[in-house]
Amino acid sequence: MERGWGVYMMSYRGYSGSGGVPSEADNVADAKLAWQDLLRAGVRAGDVVIYGESLGTGVATRVALDAAARGLILDAPFTSLVDIGADRYPMLPVSLLLSHRYETIRVIGEVRMPLLVVHGEADRIVPVEMGRKVFAAAIRAAQPKRLVTLPGAGHANHMRFGSFEAIAAFIGDVRVR
């Protein structure tokens, strides 16, 4: 790539031609296997910035707990899937109905690497307040620790509102450390 970056992506089970059925435990396990594949391929852990978007933020945060990566980027993170469900369906006992919880808020405080949280302020899928709560709970994150909210940006369109520039700046900053 022009900036000298590579991208390694995985698909969840049951998506993009992958077999199986996705679950929280399997998604996290598969992401940890992907991390190990990168290391086996000769990529240095300190050269990797872990990135998760939406549901993937819960997975990326869990990988970051055990990885010696250069940094973590959470794009539209939510506190937990239970909180999303309760926000959307306040009359239902969501906490009793969901077995896959993706409780980022419970583990982000243990992440010890630079962190960028990017969130659209007009996100109707994951309220920006959840991104703010995840950021605030990241008490052990190393510097730089940044929260970038983008006025007018929704859940999946914030590249048009400057998120790529914020992500590129963060990666540039953590690469020179």
N, C-alpha and C. Protein backbone atom coordinates (compact mmCIF):
# COMPACT_ATOMS: atom_id res chain seq x y z
N MET A 1 0.83 -1.18 0.00
CA MET A 1 0.00 0.00 0.00
C MET A 1 0.88 1.25 0.00
N GLU A 2 0.29 2.34 -0.37
CA GLU A 2 1.01 3.60 -0.48
C GLU A 2 1.67 4.00 0.83
N ARG A 3 1.06 3.74 1.95
CA ARG A 3 1.60 4.11 3.25
C ARG A 3 2.49 3.03 3.85
N GLY A 4 2.63 1.91 3.17
CA GLY A 4 3.45 0.83 3.70
C GLY A 4 2.71 -0.07 4.67
N TRP A 5 1.40 -0.03 4.65
CA TRP A 5 0.60 -0.85 5.54
C TRP A 5 0.05 -2.04 4.79
N GLY A 6 -0.13 -3.12 5.50
CA GLY A 6 -0.84 -4.28 4.97
C GLY A 6 -2.10 -4.48 5.80
N VAL A 7 -3.01 -5.26 5.28
CA VAL A 7 -4.26 -5.54 5.99
C VAL A 7 -4.46 -7.05 6.02
N TYR A 8 -4.78 -7.56 7.18
CA TYR A 8 -5.10 -8.96 7.36
C TYR A 8 -6.50 -8.99 7.95
N MET A 9 -7.42 -9.59 7.22
CA MET A 9 -8.82 -9.62 7.66
C MET A 9 -9.31 -11.04 7.76
N MET A 10 -10.24 -11.24 8.66
CA MET A 10 -10.89 -12.54 8.77
C MET A 10 -12.39 -12.35 8.64
N SER A 11 -13.07 -13.41 8.24
CA SER A 11 -14.54 -13.37 8.22
C SER A 11 -15.05 -14.26 9.33
N TYR A 12 -16.17 -13.87 9.86
CA TYR A 12 -16.80 -14.69 10.90
C TYR A 12 -17.40 -15.94 10.27
N ARG A 13 -17.49 -16.98 11.06
CA ARG A 13 -18.10 -18.22 10.58
C ARG A 13 -19.49 -17.93 10.01
N GLY A 14 -19.77 -18.55 8.88
CA GLY A 14 -21.06 -18.37 8.23
C GLY A 14 -21.15 -17.14 7.33
N TYR A 15 -20.07 -16.35 7.23
CA TYR A 15 -20.07 -15.14 6.41
C TYR A 15 -18.92 -15.19 5.41
N SER A 16 -19.10 -14.51 4.31
CA SER A 16 -18.05 -14.35 3.29
C SER A 16 -17.45 -15.67 2.85
N GLY A 17 -18.28 -16.68 2.73
CA GLY A 17 -17.80 -17.98 2.27
C GLY A 17 -17.26 -18.88 3.36
N SER A 18 -17.21 -18.40 4.59
CA SER A 18 -16.75 -19.25 5.69
C SER A 18 -17.88 -20.18 6.12
N GLY A 19 -17.51 -21.39 6.51
CA GLY A 19 -18.51 -22.33 6.99
C GLY A 19 -18.79 -22.15 8.46
N GLY A 20 -19.77 -22.86 8.93
CA GLY A 20 -20.08 -22.86 10.36
C GLY A 20 -21.09 -21.81 10.75
N VAL A 21 -21.29 -21.71 12.05
CA VAL A 21 -22.25 -20.79 12.63
C VAL A 21 -21.49 -19.89 13.61
N PRO A 22 -21.66 -18.58 13.52
CA PRO A 22 -20.90 -17.70 14.40
C PRO A 22 -21.42 -17.74 15.84
N SER A 23 -20.50 -17.56 16.76
CA SER A 23 -20.83 -17.37 18.18
C SER A 23 -19.76 -16.46 18.75
N GLU A 24 -20.03 -15.89 19.89
CA GLU A 24 -19.03 -15.01 20.50
C GLU A 24 -17.74 -15.78 20.79
N ALA A 25 -17.86 -16.93 21.40
CA ALA A 25 -16.65 -17.71 21.75
C ALA A 25 -15.87 -18.09 20.50
N ASP A 26 -16.57 -18.53 19.45
CA ASP A 26 -15.89 -18.92 18.22
C ASP A 26 -15.27 -17.71 17.50
N ASN A 27 -15.96 -16.59 17.50
CA ASN A 27 -15.41 -15.39 16.86
C ASN A 27 -14.12 -14.95 17.54
N VAL A 28 -14.12 -14.97 18.86
CA VAL A 28 -12.91 -14.59 19.60
C VAL A 28 -11.81 -15.62 19.36
N ALA A 29 -12.14 -16.90 19.42
CA ALA A 29 -11.14 -17.95 19.19
C ALA A 29 -10.55 -17.84 17.79
N ASP A 30 -11.40 -17.60 16.79
CA ASP A 30 -10.91 -17.47 15.42
C ASP A 30 -10.02 -16.25 15.27
N ALA A 31 -10.37 -15.15 15.92
CA ALA A 31 -9.54 -13.94 15.85
C ALA A 31 -8.19 -14.18 16.51
N LYS A 32 -8.17 -14.92 17.60
CA LYS A 32 -6.89 -15.24 18.24
C LYS A 32 -6.05 -16.16 17.35
N LEU A 33 -6.71 -17.06 16.62
CA LEU A 33 -5.98 -17.89 15.65
C LEU A 33 -5.42 -17.03 14.52
N ALA A 34 -6.19 -16.05 14.08
CA ALA A 34 -5.71 -15.13 13.03
C ALA A 34 -4.48 -14.38 13.53
N TRP A 35 -4.51 -13.94 14.79
CA TRP A 35 -3.35 -13.27 15.39
C TRP A 35 -2.14 -14.18 15.36
N GLN A 36 -2.32 -15.44 15.75
CA GLN A 36 -1.22 -16.40 15.75
C GLN A 36 -0.72 -16.66 14.33
N ASP A 37 -1.62 -16.69 13.35
CA ASP A 37 -1.22 -16.86 11.95
C ASP A 37 -0.30 -15.73 11.51
N LEU A 38 -0.63 -14.50 11.89
CA LEU A 38 0.23 -13.37 11.55
C LEU A 38 1.64 -13.56 12.13
N LEU A 39 1.69 -13.95 13.39
CA LEU A 39 2.99 -14.13 14.04
C LEU A 39 3.78 -15.26 13.39
N ARG A 40 3.09 -16.36 13.06
CA ARG A 40 3.77 -17.48 12.39
C ARG A 40 4.27 -17.09 11.01
N ALA A 41 3.59 -16.15 10.38
CA ALA A 41 4.01 -15.69 9.04
C ALA A 41 5.19 -14.72 9.12
N GLY A 42 5.64 -14.41 10.33
CA GLY A 42 6.80 -13.56 10.49
C GLY A 42 6.51 -12.09 10.77
N VAL A 43 5.24 -11.76 10.92
CA VAL A 43 4.89 -10.38 11.25
C VAL A 43 5.19 -10.16 12.73
N ARG A 44 5.89 -9.08 13.02
CA ARG A 44 6.20 -8.76 14.42
C ARG A 44 4.97 -8.19 15.11
N ALA A 45 4.68 -8.68 16.31
CA ALA A 45 3.51 -8.23 17.05
C ALA A 45 3.50 -6.71 17.21
N GLY A 46 4.65 -6.14 17.44
CA GLY A 46 4.75 -4.70 17.62
C GLY A 46 4.54 -3.88 16.36
N ASP A 47 4.37 -4.55 15.24
CA ASP A 47 4.07 -3.85 13.98
C ASP A 47 2.58 -3.88 13.64
N VAL A 48 1.77 -4.48 14.51
CA VAL A 48 0.36 -4.68 14.22
C VAL A 48 -0.50 -3.71 15.04
N VAL A 49 -1.48 -3.12 14.37
CA VAL A 49 -2.53 -2.36 15.05
C VAL A 49 -3.80 -3.18 14.84
N ILE A 50 -4.41 -3.58 15.92
CA ILE A 50 -5.65 -4.38 15.87
C ILE A 50 -6.82 -3.42 15.64
N TYR A 51 -7.70 -3.82 14.73
CA TYR A 51 -8.85 -2.98 14.37
C TYR A 51 -10.12 -3.80 14.46
N GLY A 52 -11.14 -3.24 15.10
CA GLY A 52 -12.45 -3.87 15.13
C GLY A 52 -13.52 -2.84 14.87
N GLU A 53 -14.52 -3.25 14.11
CA GLU A 53 -15.63 -2.37 13.78
C GLU A 53 -16.93 -2.97 14.29
N SER A 54 -17.72 -2.17 14.99
CA SER A 54 -19.03 -2.56 15.48
C SER A 54 -18.95 -3.85 16.29
N LEU A 55 -19.58 -4.93 15.85
CA LEU A 55 -19.49 -6.21 16.57
C LEU A 55 -18.03 -6.63 16.75
N GLY A 56 -17.21 -6.33 15.75
CA GLY A 56 -15.80 -6.68 15.81
C GLY A 56 -15.02 -5.97 16.89
N THR A 57 -15.58 -4.88 17.46
CA THR A 57 -14.86 -4.19 18.54
C THR A 57 -14.79 -5.06 19.78
N GLY A 58 -15.85 -5.84 20.02
CA GLY A 58 -15.82 -6.77 21.16
C GLY A 58 -14.79 -7.86 20.95
N VAL A 59 -14.67 -8.33 19.73
CA VAL A 59 -13.68 -9.36 19.40
C VAL A 59 -12.27 -8.78 19.47
N ALA A 60 -12.06 -7.64 18.85
CA ALA A 60 -10.73 -7.01 18.82
C ALA A 60 -10.23 -6.70 20.23
N THR A 61 -11.13 -6.24 21.09
CA THR A 61 -10.72 -5.93 22.47
C THR A 61 -10.26 -7.19 23.19
N ARG A 62 -10.94 -8.29 22.98
CA ARG A 62 -10.54 -9.55 23.62
C ARG A 62 -9.18 -10.02 23.10
N VAL A 63 -8.91 -9.86 21.81
CA VAL A 63 -7.61 -10.22 21.26
C VAL A 63 -6.53 -9.32 21.86
N ALA A 64 -6.83 -8.03 21.99
CA ALA A 64 -5.85 -7.07 22.50
C ALA A 64 -5.44 -7.36 23.94
N LEU A 65 -6.26 -8.05 24.69
CA LEU A 65 -5.91 -8.37 26.09
C LEU A 65 -4.63 -9.20 26.17
N ASP A 66 -4.43 -10.08 25.20
CA ASP A 66 -3.29 -11.01 25.25
C ASP A 66 -2.23 -10.72 24.20
N ALA A 67 -2.49 -9.77 23.32
CA ALA A 67 -1.57 -9.50 22.21
C ALA A 67 -0.63 -8.35 22.57
N ALA A 68 0.57 -8.43 22.07
CA ALA A 68 1.55 -7.35 22.27
C ALA A 68 1.56 -6.46 21.02
N ALA A 69 0.38 -6.05 20.61
CA ALA A 69 0.25 -5.24 19.40
C ALA A 69 0.66 -3.80 19.67
N ARG A 70 0.82 -3.04 18.59
CA ARG A 70 1.23 -1.64 18.67
C ARG A 70 0.08 -0.75 19.17
N GLY A 71 -1.16 -1.15 18.86
CA GLY A 71 -2.31 -0.35 19.28
C GLY A 71 -3.61 -1.04 18.94
N LEU A 72 -4.69 -0.42 19.39
CA LEU A 72 -6.04 -0.95 19.19
C LEU A 72 -6.93 0.18 18.69
N ILE A 73 -7.66 -0.09 17.60
CA ILE A 73 -8.64 0.86 17.07
C ILE A 73 -10.01 0.23 17.19
N LEU A 74 -10.92 0.94 17.84
CA LEU A 74 -12.31 0.49 17.98
C LEU A 74 -13.19 1.47 17.22
N ASP A 75 -13.83 0.97 16.19
CA ASP A 75 -14.67 1.77 15.30
C ASP A 75 -16.13 1.47 15.63
N ALA A 76 -16.82 2.44 16.23
CA ALA A 76 -18.22 2.31 16.65
C ALA A 76 -18.40 1.20 17.69
N PRO A 77 -17.64 1.27 18.79
CA PRO A 77 -17.79 0.23 19.81
C PRO A 77 -19.04 0.40 20.65
N PHE A 78 -19.56 -0.71 21.13
CA PHE A 78 -20.67 -0.67 22.07
C PHE A 78 -20.20 -1.24 23.39
N THR A 79 -20.88 -0.89 24.45
CA THR A 79 -20.51 -1.36 25.77
C THR A 79 -20.73 -2.86 25.90
N SER A 80 -21.90 -3.33 25.46
CA SER A 80 -22.21 -4.76 25.42
C SER A 80 -23.40 -4.96 24.49
N LEU A 81 -23.54 -6.16 23.99
CA LEU A 81 -24.69 -6.47 23.15
C LEU A 81 -25.98 -6.38 23.96
N VAL A 82 -25.90 -6.71 25.24
CA VAL A 82 -27.06 -6.60 26.11
C VAL A 82 -27.51 -5.14 26.19
N ASP A 83 -26.56 -4.22 26.32
CA ASP A 83 -26.92 -2.79 26.37
C ASP A 83 -27.56 -2.32 25.07
N ILE A 84 -27.05 -2.80 23.95
CA ILE A 84 -27.66 -2.45 22.65
C ILE A 84 -29.09 -2.95 22.61
N GLY A 85 -29.28 -4.21 23.01
CA GLY A 85 -30.63 -4.79 23.00
C GLY A 85 -31.57 -4.07 23.95
N ALA A 86 -31.09 -3.75 25.14
CA ALA A 86 -31.93 -3.06 26.12
C ALA A 86 -32.29 -1.65 25.64
N ASP A 87 -31.36 -1.00 24.95
CA ASP A 87 -31.62 0.32 24.39
C ASP A 87 -32.69 0.23 23.30
N ARG A 88 -32.59 -0.79 22.49
CA ARG A 88 -33.50 -0.96 21.36
C ARG A 88 -34.86 -1.53 21.78
N TYR A 89 -34.84 -2.45 22.76
CA TYR A 89 -36.07 -3.14 23.19
C TYR A 89 -36.21 -3.05 24.71
N PRO A 90 -36.51 -1.88 25.24
CA PRO A 90 -36.52 -1.70 26.70
C PRO A 90 -37.57 -2.55 27.43
N MET A 91 -38.56 -3.03 26.74
CA MET A 91 -39.62 -3.82 27.39
C MET A 91 -39.29 -5.31 27.48
N LEU A 92 -38.21 -5.73 26.83
CA LEU A 92 -37.84 -7.15 26.84
C LEU A 92 -36.74 -7.43 27.86
N PRO A 93 -36.74 -8.62 28.45
CA PRO A 93 -35.65 -9.00 29.38
C PRO A 93 -34.41 -9.45 28.60
N VAL A 94 -33.80 -8.49 27.90
CA VAL A 94 -32.71 -8.79 26.97
C VAL A 94 -31.57 -9.53 27.67
N SER A 95 -31.26 -9.15 28.89
CA SER A 95 -30.14 -9.80 29.59
C SER A 95 -30.40 -11.28 29.81
N LEU A 96 -31.65 -11.69 29.86
CA LEU A 96 -31.98 -13.11 30.02
C LEU A 96 -32.03 -13.84 28.68
N LEU A 97 -32.23 -13.11 27.62
CA LEU A 97 -32.42 -13.72 26.30
C LEU A 97 -31.12 -13.90 25.51
N LEU A 98 -30.12 -13.09 25.78
CA LEU A 98 -28.89 -13.14 24.98
C LEU A 98 -27.84 -14.03 25.61
N SER A 99 -27.33 -14.96 24.83
CA SER A 99 -26.22 -15.78 25.32
C SER A 99 -24.87 -15.23 24.84
N HIS A 100 -24.87 -14.52 23.72
CA HIS A 100 -23.66 -13.89 23.21
C HIS A 100 -23.71 -12.43 23.63
N ARG A 101 -22.79 -12.01 24.51
CA ARG A 101 -22.92 -10.72 25.18
C ARG A 101 -21.92 -9.66 24.70
N TYR A 102 -20.77 -10.06 24.23
CA TYR A 102 -19.76 -9.11 23.74
C TYR A 102 -19.62 -7.93 24.71
N GLU A 103 -19.21 -8.20 25.91
CA GLU A 103 -19.15 -7.19 26.97
C GLU A 103 -17.81 -6.44 26.96
N THR A 104 -17.65 -5.60 25.98
CA THR A 104 -16.43 -4.82 25.84
C THR A 104 -16.17 -3.98 27.10
N ILE A 105 -17.20 -3.43 27.66
CA ILE A 105 -17.05 -2.56 28.82
C ILE A 105 -16.41 -3.30 30.00
N ARG A 106 -16.57 -4.61 30.07
CA ARG A 106 -16.00 -5.38 31.18
C ARG A 106 -14.52 -5.68 31.00
N VAL A 107 -14.01 -5.61 29.77
CA VAL A 107 -12.61 -5.99 29.54
C VAL A 107 -11.72 -4.85 29.06
N ILE A 108 -12.30 -3.77 28.57
CA ILE A 108 -11.48 -2.69 28.00
C ILE A 108 -10.54 -2.08 29.03
N GLY A 109 -10.91 -2.10 30.28
CA GLY A 109 -10.08 -1.53 31.32
C GLY A 109 -8.75 -2.24 31.51
N GLU A 110 -8.62 -3.44 30.97
CA GLU A 110 -7.38 -4.22 31.09
C GLU A 110 -6.46 -4.05 29.89
N VAL A 111 -6.92 -3.39 28.84
CA VAL A 111 -6.11 -3.20 27.64
C VAL A 111 -4.98 -2.23 27.96
N ARG A 112 -3.75 -2.63 27.61
CA ARG A 112 -2.57 -1.84 27.96
C ARG A 112 -1.79 -1.41 26.72
N MET A 113 -2.47 -0.92 25.73
CA MET A 113 -1.81 -0.43 24.52
C MET A 113 -2.49 0.85 24.09
N PRO A 114 -1.85 1.61 23.22
CA PRO A 114 -2.51 2.81 22.70
C PRO A 114 -3.88 2.47 22.10
N LEU A 115 -4.80 3.40 22.25
CA LEU A 115 -6.19 3.16 21.87
C LEU A 115 -6.75 4.34 21.11
N LEU A 116 -7.46 4.03 20.04
CA LEU A 116 -8.26 5.02 19.32
C LEU A 116 -9.69 4.51 19.26
N VAL A 117 -10.62 5.32 19.71
CA VAL A 117 -12.04 5.04 19.56
C VAL A 117 -12.59 6.06 18.57
N VAL A 118 -13.21 5.57 17.49
CA VAL A 118 -13.81 6.41 16.46
C VAL A 118 -15.30 6.11 16.46
N HIS A 119 -16.10 7.19 16.45
CA HIS A 119 -17.55 6.97 16.48
C HIS A 119 -18.28 8.12 15.79
N GLY A 120 -19.27 7.77 14.99
CA GLY A 120 -20.12 8.78 14.38
C GLY A 120 -21.13 9.30 15.39
N GLU A 121 -21.28 10.61 15.45
CA GLU A 121 -22.22 11.19 16.41
C GLU A 121 -23.68 10.97 16.01
N ALA A 122 -23.93 10.66 14.74
CA ALA A 122 -25.29 10.39 14.28
C ALA A 122 -25.53 8.89 14.08
N ASP A 123 -24.77 8.08 14.77
CA ASP A 123 -24.88 6.62 14.66
C ASP A 123 -26.21 6.17 15.29
N ARG A 124 -27.07 5.57 14.49
CA ARG A 124 -28.36 5.10 14.98
C ARG A 124 -28.34 3.62 15.32
N ILE A 125 -27.25 2.94 15.05
CA ILE A 125 -27.11 1.53 15.38
C ILE A 125 -26.47 1.39 16.76
N VAL A 126 -25.34 2.07 16.96
CA VAL A 126 -24.63 2.07 18.24
C VAL A 126 -24.51 3.53 18.68
N PRO A 127 -25.24 3.92 19.71
CA PRO A 127 -25.19 5.32 20.15
C PRO A 127 -23.76 5.75 20.50
N VAL A 128 -23.41 6.97 20.12
CA VAL A 128 -22.06 7.49 20.36
C VAL A 128 -21.73 7.47 21.85
N GLU A 129 -22.74 7.59 22.70
CA GLU A 129 -22.49 7.56 24.15
C GLU A 129 -21.84 6.24 24.57
N MET A 130 -22.15 5.15 23.88
CA MET A 130 -21.50 3.87 24.20
C MET A 130 -20.01 3.93 23.88
N GLY A 131 -19.66 4.56 22.77
CA GLY A 131 -18.25 4.73 22.43
C GLY A 131 -17.54 5.55 23.48
N ARG A 132 -18.20 6.59 23.96
CA ARG A 132 -17.61 7.42 25.01
C ARG A 132 -17.40 6.62 26.30
N LYS A 133 -18.36 5.77 26.64
CA LYS A 133 -18.24 4.95 27.85
C LYS A 133 -17.10 3.94 27.72
N VAL A 134 -16.96 3.33 26.56
CA VAL A 134 -15.86 2.39 26.33
C VAL A 134 -14.53 3.13 26.48
N PHE A 135 -14.43 4.29 25.87
CA PHE A 135 -13.20 5.08 25.96
C PHE A 135 -12.88 5.42 27.42
N ALA A 136 -13.86 5.89 28.16
CA ALA A 136 -13.64 6.26 29.56
C ALA A 136 -13.23 5.07 30.41
N ALA A 137 -13.73 3.89 30.08
CA ALA A 137 -13.41 2.68 30.85
C ALA A 137 -12.02 2.13 30.55
N ALA A 138 -11.38 2.62 29.51
CA ALA A 138 -10.04 2.14 29.12
C ALA A 138 -8.99 2.81 29.99
N ILE A 139 -8.99 2.50 31.26
CA ILE A 139 -8.15 3.22 32.23
C ILE A 139 -6.68 2.84 32.17
N ARG A 140 -6.35 1.70 31.60
CA ARG A 140 -4.94 1.28 31.53
C ARG A 140 -4.34 1.47 30.14
N ALA A 141 -5.11 1.99 29.22
CA ALA A 141 -4.60 2.18 27.86
C ALA A 141 -3.41 3.12 27.88
N ALA A 142 -2.43 2.79 27.07
CA ALA A 142 -1.23 3.62 26.96
C ALA A 142 -1.51 4.81 26.05
N GLN A 143 -0.64 5.77 26.08
CA GLN A 143 -0.77 6.93 25.19
C GLN A 143 -0.19 6.59 23.83
N PRO A 144 -0.74 7.10 22.73
CA PRO A 144 -1.87 7.99 22.75
C PRO A 144 -3.18 7.24 22.96
N LYS A 145 -4.06 7.84 23.69
CA LYS A 145 -5.42 7.34 23.91
C LYS A 145 -6.33 8.44 23.40
N ARG A 146 -7.07 8.15 22.34
CA ARG A 146 -7.88 9.18 21.69
C ARG A 146 -9.31 8.73 21.46
N LEU A 147 -10.20 9.68 21.61
CA LEU A 147 -11.60 9.50 21.23
C LEU A 147 -11.88 10.51 20.13
N VAL A 148 -12.31 10.03 18.98
CA VAL A 148 -12.67 10.91 17.87
C VAL A 148 -14.13 10.65 17.53
N THR A 149 -14.96 11.67 17.78
CA THR A 149 -16.36 11.57 17.36
C THR A 149 -16.55 12.48 16.16
N LEU A 150 -17.38 12.05 15.26
CA LEU A 150 -17.52 12.73 13.97
C LEU A 150 -18.95 13.23 13.80
N PRO A 151 -19.15 14.55 13.92
CA PRO A 151 -20.49 15.12 13.76
C PRO A 151 -21.07 14.76 12.39
N GLY A 152 -22.33 14.37 12.40
CA GLY A 152 -23.02 14.04 11.16
C GLY A 152 -22.79 12.63 10.66
N ALA A 153 -21.79 11.94 11.18
CA ALA A 153 -21.47 10.59 10.70
C ALA A 153 -22.36 9.55 11.37
N GLY A 154 -22.77 8.57 10.58
CA GLY A 154 -23.57 7.47 11.09
C GLY A 154 -22.70 6.27 11.42
N HIS A 155 -23.30 5.11 11.35
CA HIS A 155 -22.61 3.89 11.75
C HIS A 155 -21.61 3.40 10.72
N ALA A 156 -21.95 3.51 9.45
CA ALA A 156 -21.09 2.91 8.42
C ALA A 156 -20.65 3.90 7.35
N ASN A 157 -20.81 5.18 7.60
CA ASN A 157 -20.46 6.15 6.55
C ASN A 157 -19.43 7.16 6.99
N HIS A 158 -18.76 6.95 8.12
CA HIS A 158 -17.92 8.03 8.63
C HIS A 158 -16.60 8.22 7.91
N MET A 159 -16.27 7.37 6.95
CA MET A 159 -15.09 7.65 6.13
C MET A 159 -15.29 8.99 5.40
N ARG A 160 -16.54 9.31 5.08
CA ARG A 160 -16.85 10.59 4.42
C ARG A 160 -16.72 11.77 5.37
N PHE A 161 -16.59 11.49 6.66
CA PHE A 161 -16.56 12.55 7.67
C PHE A 161 -15.21 12.68 8.36
N GLY A 162 -14.19 11.96 7.85
CA GLY A 162 -12.85 12.14 8.38
C GLY A 162 -12.30 11.02 9.25
N SER A 163 -13.00 9.89 9.33
CA SER A 163 -12.48 8.83 10.20
C SER A 163 -11.20 8.22 9.65
N PHE A 164 -11.08 8.12 8.33
CA PHE A 164 -9.84 7.54 7.78
C PHE A 164 -8.64 8.40 8.15
N GLU A 165 -8.81 9.69 8.10
CA GLU A 165 -7.70 10.58 8.46
C GLU A 165 -7.33 10.43 9.93
N ALA A 166 -8.33 10.28 10.80
CA ALA A 166 -8.05 10.09 12.23
C ALA A 166 -7.35 8.75 12.46
N ILE A 167 -7.77 7.72 11.75
CA ILE A 167 -7.15 6.40 11.88
C ILE A 167 -5.72 6.44 11.37
N ALA A 168 -5.52 7.06 10.22
CA ALA A 168 -4.17 7.16 9.65
C ALA A 168 -3.24 7.94 10.58
N ALA A 169 -3.73 9.02 11.17
CA ALA A 169 -2.91 9.80 12.09
C ALA A 169 -2.54 8.98 13.32
N PHE A 170 -3.49 8.23 13.84
CA PHE A 170 -3.22 7.38 15.01
C PHE A 170 -2.17 6.32 14.68
N ILE A 171 -2.34 5.66 13.55
CA ILE A 171 -1.36 4.64 13.16
C ILE A 171 0.01 5.27 12.97
N GLY A 172 0.07 6.43 12.34
CA GLY A 172 1.34 7.12 12.19
C GLY A 172 1.98 7.45 13.53
N ASP A 173 1.18 7.88 14.48
CA ASP A 173 1.69 8.23 15.80
C ASP A 173 2.22 7.00 16.56
N VAL A 174 1.49 5.90 16.49
CA VAL A 174 1.95 4.73 17.25
C VAL A 174 3.11 4.02 16.55
N ARG A 175 3.26 4.20 15.26
CA ARG A 175 4.38 3.57 14.54
C ARG A 175 5.71 4.21 14.88
N VAL A 176 5.72 5.48 15.25
CA VAL A 176 6.99 6.16 15.52
C VAL A 176 7.42 6.07 16.96
N ARG A 177 6.62 5.43 17.79
CA ARG A 177 6.97 5.32 19.21
C ARG A 177 8.16 4.42 19.39
